[in-house]
């Protein structure tokens, strides 16, 4: 009875939260995670998600009554005994199905193992093939399907060593097709087209059998993502589509556990300028970034290159802690939330001696995504920093992560970041101020810093 009541409470909470959001019909791409907790034990400094966005009168209890009716009948009449383990599985699958109905790859139920990986990534510890993966809508003819996409390979990870690149579409794993959220679209389209053309029934049957086999042997896209980010020690052969390639490419990559040093720095151009590379936004990134800025300021460098290429993971709070060392007390951006709410996100104050006030150039590419994009555009809009490289990924989504008391979690797309001044870059990315290939980006950044340094000297001489 206790487990039965627990299941009912979970279902109630689930429905109440779902009522606060409108069902999306177009899936957004993989988003930046804002870490929150609703479990009894809170992590210090982590805000708690709230479901108090609507009054009780706004909630339609009809669906809940249907669910409870089914649950009651299953408990009373199912031929085999219902165990506590069964009830837990039923609750998880109910949550999984409810969130999947949004058709938003960012809004989903996370098993305890998946949530553990998210937590460890925030500490700079990664598992699997070492790539930030996302889902991207791709339209072919009348069919629009989700593809599993490499947003960016992580520095020093297996994916980067194997040659995977930002923008690669993983279409098969070990020869098995990666299936979209709705794997039956192609079969339905085949039936429609064949009927229009009045094709022979035997040919139609062959097409349907081929599609049936593809679905039966394929791997659902969410399962494929779990396989490639799990702690299992395995080797996979990935089939990928890459821009510019004439045919699919085969890549062998082995999963492993590895750590990433979030920040590194050095002097460039005979010590005139500084270079800071952010590899990931982990819990230790702000402190390491501050140390790098302090060291470079002590060297009296004339300008700084900030490298945000191939950076995707991270949460808003961590990125704001980095931003305040360059643009304190400015508007980082606006978070556009449900019910037409547009909330300004302000950067906290920082003491002057800790802030970088010199010239700044930011390196970006197609792997610059999520909060890295938001940081890049905030630096351009507030500090007139120049962006050098390629157009970024184009993902301003904000995802809220709810940690549940049983160790599982729920991720929900709760907003879209809008730049302080620039135009919306969702789906198209940020266009750089200076376009350059990967081999030329550092040279172009140095040219800009040299030009700014000359201009500064000229201004001082006139004064």
Protein backbone atom coordinates (compact mmCIF):
# COMPACT_ATOMS: atom_id res chain seq x y z
CA UNK A 1 0.00 0.00 0.00
CA UNK A 2 2.87 2.36 0.79
CA UNK A 3 4.36 1.86 -2.68
CA UNK A 4 0.94 2.36 -4.23
CA UNK A 5 0.56 5.72 -2.44
CA UNK A 6 4.08 6.70 -3.48
CA UNK A 7 3.24 6.00 -7.12
CA UNK A 8 0.08 8.12 -6.88
CA UNK A 9 2.06 11.02 -5.37
CA UNK A 10 4.62 10.78 -8.20
CA UNK A 11 1.86 10.87 -10.77
CA UNK A 12 0.25 13.88 -9.07
CA UNK A 13 3.54 15.79 -9.03
CA UNK A 14 4.17 14.83 -12.65
CA UNK A 15 0.79 16.12 -13.84
CA UNK A 16 1.04 19.34 -11.84
CA UNK A 17 4.43 20.13 -13.34
CA UNK A 18 3.35 19.21 -16.85
CA UNK A 19 0.35 21.54 -16.62
CA UNK A 20 2.73 24.48 -16.39
CA UNK A 21 4.06 23.98 -19.90
CA UNK A 22 2.63 24.03 -23.44
CA UNK A 23 3.33 21.00 -25.60
CA UNK A 24 6.02 21.74 -28.18
CA UNK A 25 5.63 20.35 -31.68
CA UNK A 26 9.11 21.17 -32.96
CA UNK A 27 12.03 19.65 -31.07
CA UNK A 28 14.73 22.01 -29.94
CA UNK A 29 18.36 20.94 -30.08
CA UNK A 30 20.28 19.78 -27.11
CA UNK A 31 20.53 22.50 -24.47
CA UNK A 32 22.53 23.94 -21.68
CA UNK A 33 21.76 22.45 -18.29
CA UNK A 34 20.85 24.58 -15.31
CA UNK A 35 21.33 22.39 -12.26
CA UNK A 36 18.55 22.47 -9.67
CA UNK A 37 17.34 20.08 -7.01
CA UNK A 38 14.01 19.05 -5.57
CA UNK A 39 15.33 16.20 -3.47
CA UNK A 40 15.36 16.43 0.35
CA UNK A 41 19.11 17.12 0.37
CA UNK A 42 20.20 20.26 -1.50
CA UNK A 43 23.64 21.03 -2.81
CA UNK A 44 24.90 24.36 -1.36
CA UNK A 45 24.27 27.28 -3.67
CA UNK A 46 22.02 25.36 -6.05
CA UNK A 47 18.55 26.88 -6.57
CA UNK A 48 15.47 24.72 -6.18
CA UNK A 49 13.01 24.31 -9.04
CA UNK A 50 9.46 25.30 -8.25
CA UNK A 51 6.18 24.05 -9.62
CA UNK A 52 4.23 27.00 -8.21
CA UNK A 53 3.61 28.55 -11.63
CA UNK A 54 -0.10 27.89 -11.73
CA UNK A 55 -2.95 27.65 -9.30
CA UNK A 56 -4.66 24.37 -8.47
CA UNK A 57 -7.68 25.52 -10.44
CA UNK A 58 -5.59 25.58 -13.65
CA UNK A 59 -4.94 21.83 -13.50
CA UNK A 60 -7.18 19.42 -15.40
CA UNK A 61 -7.43 16.31 -13.23
CA UNK A 62 -9.16 14.28 -15.95
CA UNK A 63 -5.95 12.66 -17.27
CA UNK A 64 -4.90 11.80 -13.72
CA UNK A 65 -8.23 10.08 -13.09
CA UNK A 66 -7.69 7.96 -16.20
CA UNK A 67 -4.19 7.00 -15.07
CA UNK A 68 -5.41 6.08 -11.59
CA UNK A 69 -8.24 4.01 -13.05
CA UNK A 70 -5.78 2.03 -15.15
CA UNK A 71 -3.38 1.66 -12.23
CA UNK A 72 -6.13 0.44 -9.92
CA UNK A 73 -7.31 -2.14 -12.43
CA UNK A 74 -3.80 -3.36 -13.11
CA UNK A 75 -3.16 -3.83 -9.40
CA UNK A 76 -6.41 -5.70 -8.90
CA UNK A 77 -6.67 -7.78 -12.06
CA UNK A 78 -3.23 -8.28 -13.63
CA UNK A 79 -2.57 -12.02 -13.71
CA UNK A 80 0.82 -11.85 -11.97
CA UNK A 81 1.63 -10.16 -8.63
CA UNK A 82 2.71 -6.49 -8.82
CA UNK A 83 5.95 -6.09 -6.87
CA UNK A 84 7.44 -2.84 -5.48
CA UNK A 85 10.03 -3.09 -8.25
CA UNK A 86 7.21 -3.27 -10.82
CA UNK A 87 5.57 -0.18 -9.34
CA UNK A 88 8.81 1.77 -9.51
CA UNK A 89 9.30 0.77 -13.12
CA UNK A 90 5.70 1.75 -13.94
CA UNK A 91 6.23 5.19 -12.41
CA UNK A 92 9.46 5.75 -14.34
CA UNK A 93 7.96 4.61 -17.62
CA UNK A 94 4.93 6.88 -17.04
CA UNK A 95 7.28 9.83 -16.58
CA UNK A 96 9.36 8.80 -19.59
CA UNK A 97 6.31 8.52 -21.86
CA UNK A 98 4.79 11.79 -20.62
CA UNK A 99 7.94 13.78 -21.30
CA UNK A 100 8.57 12.03 -24.62
CA UNK A 101 5.17 13.24 -25.82
CA UNK A 102 6.62 16.77 -26.00
CA UNK A 103 8.87 15.57 -28.85
CA UNK A 104 11.60 17.76 -27.39
CA UNK A 105 14.96 15.96 -27.04
CA UNK A 106 15.90 18.25 -24.15
CA UNK A 107 12.78 17.35 -22.16
CA UNK A 108 13.08 13.83 -20.84
CA UNK A 109 13.35 11.47 -17.89
CA UNK A 110 16.88 10.57 -16.72
CA UNK A 111 17.71 7.28 -15.05
CA UNK A 112 19.96 7.48 -11.96
CA UNK A 113 22.91 6.36 -14.11
CA UNK A 114 22.32 9.18 -16.61
CA UNK A 115 21.95 11.76 -13.86
CA UNK A 116 25.23 10.55 -12.34
CA UNK A 117 26.99 11.24 -15.65
CA UNK A 118 25.58 14.79 -15.70
CA UNK A 119 26.87 15.43 -12.17
CA UNK A 120 30.32 14.06 -12.98
CA UNK A 121 30.55 16.16 -16.16
CA UNK A 122 30.09 19.23 -13.96
CA UNK A 123 33.28 18.13 -12.17
CA UNK A 124 35.24 17.69 -15.40
CA UNK A 125 34.92 13.88 -15.40
CA UNK A 126 33.56 12.36 -18.60
CA UNK A 127 32.60 8.91 -19.83
CA UNK A 128 31.90 7.25 -23.14
CA UNK A 129 33.29 8.37 -26.50
CA UNK A 130 34.07 11.85 -25.17
CA UNK A 131 31.71 14.02 -27.18
CA UNK A 132 28.82 16.33 -26.44
CA UNK A 133 25.94 14.84 -28.40
CA UNK A 134 22.66 16.41 -29.43
CA UNK A 135 19.60 15.79 -31.54
CA UNK A 136 18.95 17.83 -34.64
CA UNK A 137 15.85 17.93 -36.84
CA UNK A 138 16.66 17.06 -40.45
CA UNK A 139 14.05 17.30 -43.21
CA UNK A 140 14.26 15.02 -46.23
CA UNK A 141 11.33 15.38 -48.61
CA UNK A 142 8.16 15.16 -46.53
CA UNK A 143 9.92 13.49 -43.59
CA UNK A 144 11.44 15.35 -40.65
CA UNK A 145 13.53 13.15 -38.37
CA UNK A 146 15.93 13.59 -35.48
CA UNK A 147 19.61 12.85 -36.13
CA UNK A 148 22.18 12.14 -33.44
CA UNK A 149 24.77 14.88 -33.93
CA UNK A 150 28.24 15.49 -32.52
CA UNK A 151 27.97 19.02 -31.14
CA UNK A 152 31.63 18.95 -30.19
CA UNK A 153 34.32 16.40 -29.37
CA UNK A 154 35.77 17.00 -25.89
CA UNK A 155 39.46 17.87 -25.66
CA UNK A 156 41.66 14.77 -25.15
CA UNK A 157 38.65 12.44 -25.40
CA UNK A 158 38.36 9.29 -27.56
CA UNK A 159 36.08 11.00 -30.13
CA UNK A 160 38.60 13.77 -30.79
CA UNK A 161 41.43 11.24 -31.10
CA UNK A 162 39.35 9.10 -33.48
CA UNK A 163 38.73 12.07 -35.78
CA UNK A 164 35.08 12.85 -35.07
CA UNK A 165 34.22 16.47 -35.83
CA UNK A 166 31.62 19.02 -34.79
CA UNK A 167 28.54 18.60 -36.96
CA UNK A 168 29.03 14.91 -37.72
CA UNK A 169 25.70 13.02 -37.94
CA UNK A 170 25.91 9.54 -36.39
CA UNK A 171 23.54 7.48 -38.54
CA UNK A 172 24.55 3.97 -37.47
CA UNK A 173 26.35 2.14 -34.65
CA UNK A 174 27.96 -1.19 -35.47
CA UNK A 175 25.91 -1.32 -38.67
CA UNK A 176 22.57 -0.75 -36.92
CA UNK A 177 20.63 2.36 -37.93
CA UNK A 178 20.07 5.06 -35.30
CA UNK A 179 16.29 5.51 -35.30
CA UNK A 180 14.50 8.86 -34.79
CA UNK A 181 11.93 9.45 -32.06
CA UNK A 182 9.20 8.32 -34.48
CA UNK A 183 10.77 5.45 -36.46
CA UNK A 184 7.65 4.75 -38.54
CA UNK A 185 7.64 7.95 -40.63
CA UNK A 186 9.53 6.39 -43.53
CA UNK A 187 7.24 3.36 -43.64
CA UNK A 188 4.16 5.59 -43.65
CA UNK A 189 5.65 7.74 -46.40
CA UNK A 190 6.45 4.66 -48.49
CA UNK A 191 2.82 3.53 -48.22
CA UNK A 192 1.53 6.98 -49.23
CA UNK A 193 3.88 7.29 -52.21
CA UNK A 194 3.28 3.75 -53.41
CA UNK A 195 -0.48 4.25 -53.31
CA UNK A 196 -0.20 7.43 -55.34
CA UNK A 197 1.88 5.70 -57.99
CA UNK A 198 -0.28 2.53 -57.95
CA UNK A 199 2.83 0.37 -57.62
CA UNK A 200 2.65 -3.41 -57.66
CA UNK A 201 1.65 -4.87 -54.29
CA UNK A 202 4.67 -7.19 -54.23
CA UNK A 203 7.02 -4.21 -54.56
CA UNK A 204 5.13 -2.39 -51.82
CA UNK A 205 5.45 -5.46 -49.62
CA UNK A 206 9.22 -5.55 -50.14
CA UNK A 207 9.54 -1.90 -49.17
CA UNK A 208 7.49 -2.42 -46.03
CA UNK A 209 9.49 -5.51 -45.09
CA UNK A 210 12.73 -3.57 -45.57
CA UNK A 211 11.52 -0.77 -43.31
CA UNK A 212 10.25 -3.25 -40.73
CA UNK A 213 13.68 -4.92 -40.62
CA UNK A 214 15.41 -1.54 -40.28
CA UNK A 215 13.21 -0.64 -37.31
CA UNK A 216 13.52 -4.02 -35.61
CA UNK A 217 17.31 -4.06 -35.91
CA UNK A 218 17.83 -0.33 -35.33
CA UNK A 219 18.72 1.54 -32.15
CA UNK A 220 16.34 4.22 -30.78
CA UNK A 221 18.13 7.56 -30.73
CA UNK A 222 17.93 8.02 -26.95
CA UNK A 223 19.34 4.54 -26.39
CA UNK A 224 22.11 5.28 -28.89
CA UNK A 225 23.04 8.38 -26.96
CA UNK A 226 23.14 6.40 -23.70
CA UNK A 227 25.37 3.76 -25.32
CA UNK A 228 27.91 6.35 -26.44
CA UNK A 229 28.01 8.19 -23.09
CA UNK A 230 27.89 5.20 -20.72
CA UNK A 231 30.61 3.93 -18.41
CA UNK A 232 30.82 0.63 -20.30
CA UNK A 233 34.22 -0.14 -21.80
CA UNK A 234 33.36 -0.94 -25.44
CA UNK A 235 34.50 -0.24 -28.98
CA UNK A 236 31.96 0.98 -31.54
CA UNK A 237 32.11 1.45 -35.28
CA UNK A 238 30.19 4.62 -36.07
CA UNK A 239 28.83 5.52 -39.48
CA UNK A 240 28.73 9.28 -39.84
CA UNK A 241 27.59 11.81 -42.41
CA UNK A 242 29.94 14.79 -42.70
CA UNK A 243 29.55 18.01 -44.64
CA UNK A 244 31.73 17.89 -47.72
CA UNK A 245 32.12 14.11 -47.71
CA UNK A 246 30.78 12.29 -50.78
CA UNK A 247 29.77 9.19 -48.81
CA UNK A 248 29.30 8.05 -45.17
CA UNK A 249 32.48 7.70 -43.13
CA UNK A 250 33.31 4.78 -40.81
CA UNK A 251 34.97 5.71 -37.50
CA UNK A 252 36.05 3.29 -34.78
CA UNK A 253 36.03 4.72 -31.27
CA UNK A 254 36.39 3.13 -27.85
CA UNK A 255 34.57 4.41 -24.78
CA UNK A 256 36.57 5.26 -21.69
CA UNK A 257 36.61 7.40 -18.57
CA UNK A 258 38.74 10.55 -18.68
CA UNK A 259 39.12 13.95 -17.08
CA UNK A 260 39.53 17.35 -18.68
CA UNK A 261 41.57 20.29 -17.44
CA UNK A 262 38.98 23.05 -17.84
CA UNK A 263 41.35 26.02 -18.32
CA UNK A 264 44.84 26.45 -19.73
CA UNK A 265 46.76 29.62 -20.60
CA UNK A 266 50.00 30.80 -22.21
CA UNK A 267 51.76 33.84 -23.68
CA UNK A 268 51.71 34.38 -27.46
CA UNK A 269 53.34 36.74 -29.97
CA UNK A 270 56.59 37.08 -27.98
CA UNK A 271 54.72 37.69 -24.75
CA UNK A 272 52.71 40.68 -25.99
CA UNK A 273 49.37 38.92 -25.69
CA UNK A 274 47.76 36.26 -23.56
CA UNK A 275 45.85 33.17 -24.63
CA UNK A 276 43.25 31.38 -22.45
CA UNK A 277 41.66 28.13 -23.54
CA UNK A 278 38.41 27.02 -21.87
CA UNK A 279 37.91 23.31 -22.59
CA UNK A 280 34.73 22.87 -20.56
CA UNK A 281 32.57 24.70 -18.05
CA UNK A 282 32.96 22.64 -14.88
CA UNK A 283 32.67 23.65 -11.22
CA UNK A 284 36.36 24.60 -11.13
CA UNK A 285 36.37 26.66 -14.35
CA UNK A 286 35.64 30.09 -12.76
CA UNK A 287 38.49 29.80 -10.24
CA UNK A 288 40.96 28.54 -12.85
CA UNK A 289 39.89 31.26 -15.28
CA UNK A 290 40.42 33.91 -12.59
CA UNK A 291 43.90 32.51 -11.88
CA UNK A 292 44.76 32.67 -15.59
CA UNK A 293 43.56 36.28 -15.88
CA UNK A 294 45.56 37.24 -12.78
CA UNK A 295 48.74 35.65 -14.13
CA UNK A 296 48.40 37.30 -17.54
CA UNK A 297 47.70 40.70 -15.98
CA UNK A 298 50.88 40.33 -13.94
CA UNK A 299 52.76 39.80 -17.23
CA UNK A 300 51.29 43.11 -18.47
CA UNK A 301 49.99 41.63 -21.71
CA UNK A 302 48.43 44.08 -24.17
CA UNK A 303 45.49 41.91 -25.21
CA UNK A 304 43.80 38.58 -24.65
CA UNK A 305 42.59 35.74 -26.90
CA UNK A 306 39.80 33.69 -25.33
CA UNK A 307 39.37 30.31 -27.04
CA UNK A 308 35.78 28.99 -26.87
CA UNK A 309 36.04 26.60 -29.82
CA UNK A 310 34.43 23.20 -29.32
CA UNK A 311 32.90 24.09 -25.95
CA UNK A 312 29.31 23.06 -25.34
CA UNK A 313 28.60 21.67 -21.86
CA UNK A 314 28.04 23.90 -18.85
CA UNK A 315 25.42 25.62 -16.76
CA UNK A 316 24.36 29.25 -16.54
CA UNK A 317 25.68 29.88 -13.03
CA UNK A 318 29.20 28.71 -13.92
CA UNK A 319 29.32 30.82 -17.07
CA UNK A 320 28.11 33.90 -15.20
CA UNK A 321 30.98 33.45 -12.74
CA UNK A 322 33.39 33.54 -15.69
CA UNK A 323 31.66 36.51 -17.31
CA UNK A 324 31.94 38.72 -14.23
CA UNK A 325 35.73 38.70 -14.61
CA UNK A 326 35.29 40.55 -17.92
CA UNK A 327 31.95 42.36 -17.91
CA UNK A 328 30.75 42.76 -14.30
CA UNK A 329 27.42 44.44 -13.55
CA UNK A 330 26.23 44.15 -17.16
CA UNK A 331 23.29 42.32 -18.69
CA UNK A 332 24.48 38.86 -19.76
CA UNK A 333 21.31 38.29 -21.75
CA UNK A 334 17.58 37.76 -21.41
CA UNK A 335 15.97 34.45 -20.55
CA UNK A 336 12.71 34.10 -22.47
CA UNK A 337 10.45 31.79 -20.49
CA UNK A 338 6.87 30.52 -20.65
CA UNK A 339 3.95 32.97 -20.49
CA UNK A 340 5.88 35.64 -22.39
CA UNK A 341 8.23 36.28 -19.48
CA UNK A 342 11.53 37.90 -20.48
CA UNK A 343 13.90 37.99 -17.53
CA UNK A 344 17.18 39.96 -17.67
CA UNK A 345 20.18 37.95 -16.44
CA UNK A 346 22.61 40.33 -14.76
CA UNK A 347 26.28 39.63 -14.10
CA UNK A 348 27.42 40.11 -10.51
CA UNK A 349 29.82 42.80 -9.40
CA UNK A 350 33.55 41.99 -9.21
CA UNK A 351 36.40 44.02 -7.70
CA UNK A 352 38.35 46.04 -10.28
CA UNK A 353 41.71 44.36 -9.64
CA UNK A 354 40.25 40.99 -10.66
CA UNK A 355 38.61 42.17 -13.91
CA UNK A 356 40.20 41.97 -17.36
CA UNK A 357 39.84 45.44 -18.93
CA UNK A 358 42.03 45.15 -22.00
CA UNK A 359 41.36 44.19 -25.61
CA UNK A 360 39.68 40.84 -26.16
CA UNK A 361 39.23 38.51 -29.14
CA UNK A 362 37.09 35.37 -28.88
CA UNK A 363 37.72 32.29 -31.05
CA UNK A 364 34.54 30.40 -32.04
CA UNK A 365 33.53 27.60 -34.39
CA UNK A 366 30.64 25.23 -35.16
CA UNK A 367 31.35 23.41 -31.88
CA UNK A 368 30.80 26.57 -29.82
CA UNK A 369 27.36 25.87 -28.41
CA UNK A 370 24.91 26.52 -25.58
CA UNK A 371 26.36 28.69 -22.81
CA UNK A 372 29.65 29.16 -24.67
CA UNK A 373 27.64 30.92 -27.39
CA UNK A 374 25.84 33.01 -24.79
CA UNK A 375 29.18 34.04 -23.27
CA UNK A 376 30.66 34.91 -26.67
CA UNK A 377 27.77 37.16 -27.66
CA UNK A 378 27.65 38.77 -24.21
CA UNK A 379 31.34 39.70 -24.52
CA UNK A 380 30.75 41.11 -27.99
CA UNK A 381 27.66 43.11 -27.01
CA UNK A 382 29.07 44.44 -23.73
CA UNK A 383 32.81 44.65 -24.34
CA UNK A 384 32.99 45.02 -28.14
CA UNK A 385 35.03 41.81 -28.23
CA UNK A 386 35.66 40.55 -31.75
CA UNK A 387 34.54 37.03 -32.69
CA UNK A 388 36.94 35.22 -35.01
CA UNK A 389 36.38 31.85 -36.69
CA UNK A 390 33.23 30.15 -37.94
CA UNK A 391 29.51 30.45 -37.26
CA UNK A 392 28.57 28.83 -33.96
CA UNK A 393 26.13 25.97 -33.36
CA UNK A 394 23.00 28.07 -32.78
CA UNK A 395 21.52 26.69 -29.56
CA UNK A 396 20.31 29.29 -27.01
CA UNK A 397 18.04 26.88 -25.11
CA UNK A 398 18.07 26.71 -21.32
CA UNK A 399 17.26 23.38 -19.69
CA UNK A 400 16.33 22.95 -16.04
CA UNK A 401 17.45 19.72 -14.40
CA UNK A 402 15.32 18.43 -11.54
CA UNK A 403 16.91 15.85 -9.27
CA UNK A 404 14.30 13.48 -7.82
CA UNK A 405 14.48 11.78 -4.44
CA UNK A 406 15.06 8.28 -5.86
CA UNK A 407 18.25 9.37 -7.66
CA UNK A 408 16.61 9.85 -11.04
CA UNK A 409 15.97 13.20 -12.68
CA UNK A 410 13.97 15.17 -15.20
CA UNK A 411 15.35 17.67 -17.71
CA UNK A 412 12.96 20.25 -19.13
CA UNK A 413 13.46 23.01 -21.67
CA UNK A 414 12.42 26.07 -19.67
CA UNK A 415 13.72 29.00 -21.67
CA UNK A 416 15.65 30.51 -24.55
CA UNK A 417 18.55 32.91 -24.09
CA UNK A 418 18.35 36.17 -26.03
CA UNK A 419 21.51 38.29 -26.47
CA UNK A 420 21.84 41.71 -24.78
CA UNK A 421 21.90 43.55 -28.16
CA UNK A 422 22.50 41.15 -31.05
CA UNK A 423 19.74 39.46 -33.02
CA UNK A 424 18.39 35.99 -32.28
CA UNK A 425 20.86 33.28 -33.34
CA UNK A 426 18.69 30.23 -32.68
CA UNK A 427 19.14 27.60 -35.38
CA UNK A 428 21.66 29.66 -37.37
CA UNK A 429 24.45 30.45 -34.91
CA UNK A 430 26.48 33.58 -34.25
CA UNK A 431 28.22 34.96 -37.32
CA UNK A 432 31.86 35.83 -36.55
CA UNK A 433 33.16 39.36 -37.08
CA UNK A 434 36.11 37.86 -38.96
CA UNK A 435 35.66 34.52 -40.76
CA UNK A 436 38.71 32.28 -40.77
CA UNK A 437 39.56 28.60 -41.16
CA UNK A 438 40.78 26.72 -38.11
CA UNK A 439 44.42 27.04 -39.20
CA UNK A 440 44.14 30.82 -39.67
CA UNK A 441 42.00 31.80 -36.67
CA UNK A 442 44.84 32.44 -34.23
CA UNK A 443 46.70 34.54 -36.83
CA UNK A 444 43.60 36.67 -37.42
CA UNK A 445 43.10 37.12 -33.67
CA UNK A 446 46.70 38.36 -33.28
CA UNK A 447 46.21 40.80 -36.19
CA UNK A 448 43.17 42.29 -34.48
CA UNK A 449 44.99 42.64 -31.13
CA UNK A 450 47.99 44.27 -32.84
CA UNK A 451 45.67 46.74 -34.58
CA UNK A 452 43.90 47.57 -31.30
CA UNK A 453 47.25 47.99 -29.52
CA UNK A 454 48.48 50.45 -32.19
CA UNK A 455 45.24 52.38 -31.95
CA UNK A 456 45.61 52.57 -28.16
CA UNK A 457 49.19 53.87 -28.44
CA UNK A 458 48.10 56.44 -31.04
CA UNK A 459 45.32 57.66 -28.77
CA UNK A 460 47.70 58.01 -25.82
CA UNK A 461 50.25 59.96 -27.90
CA UNK A 462 47.59 62.42 -29.02
CA UNK A 463 46.53 62.99 -25.44
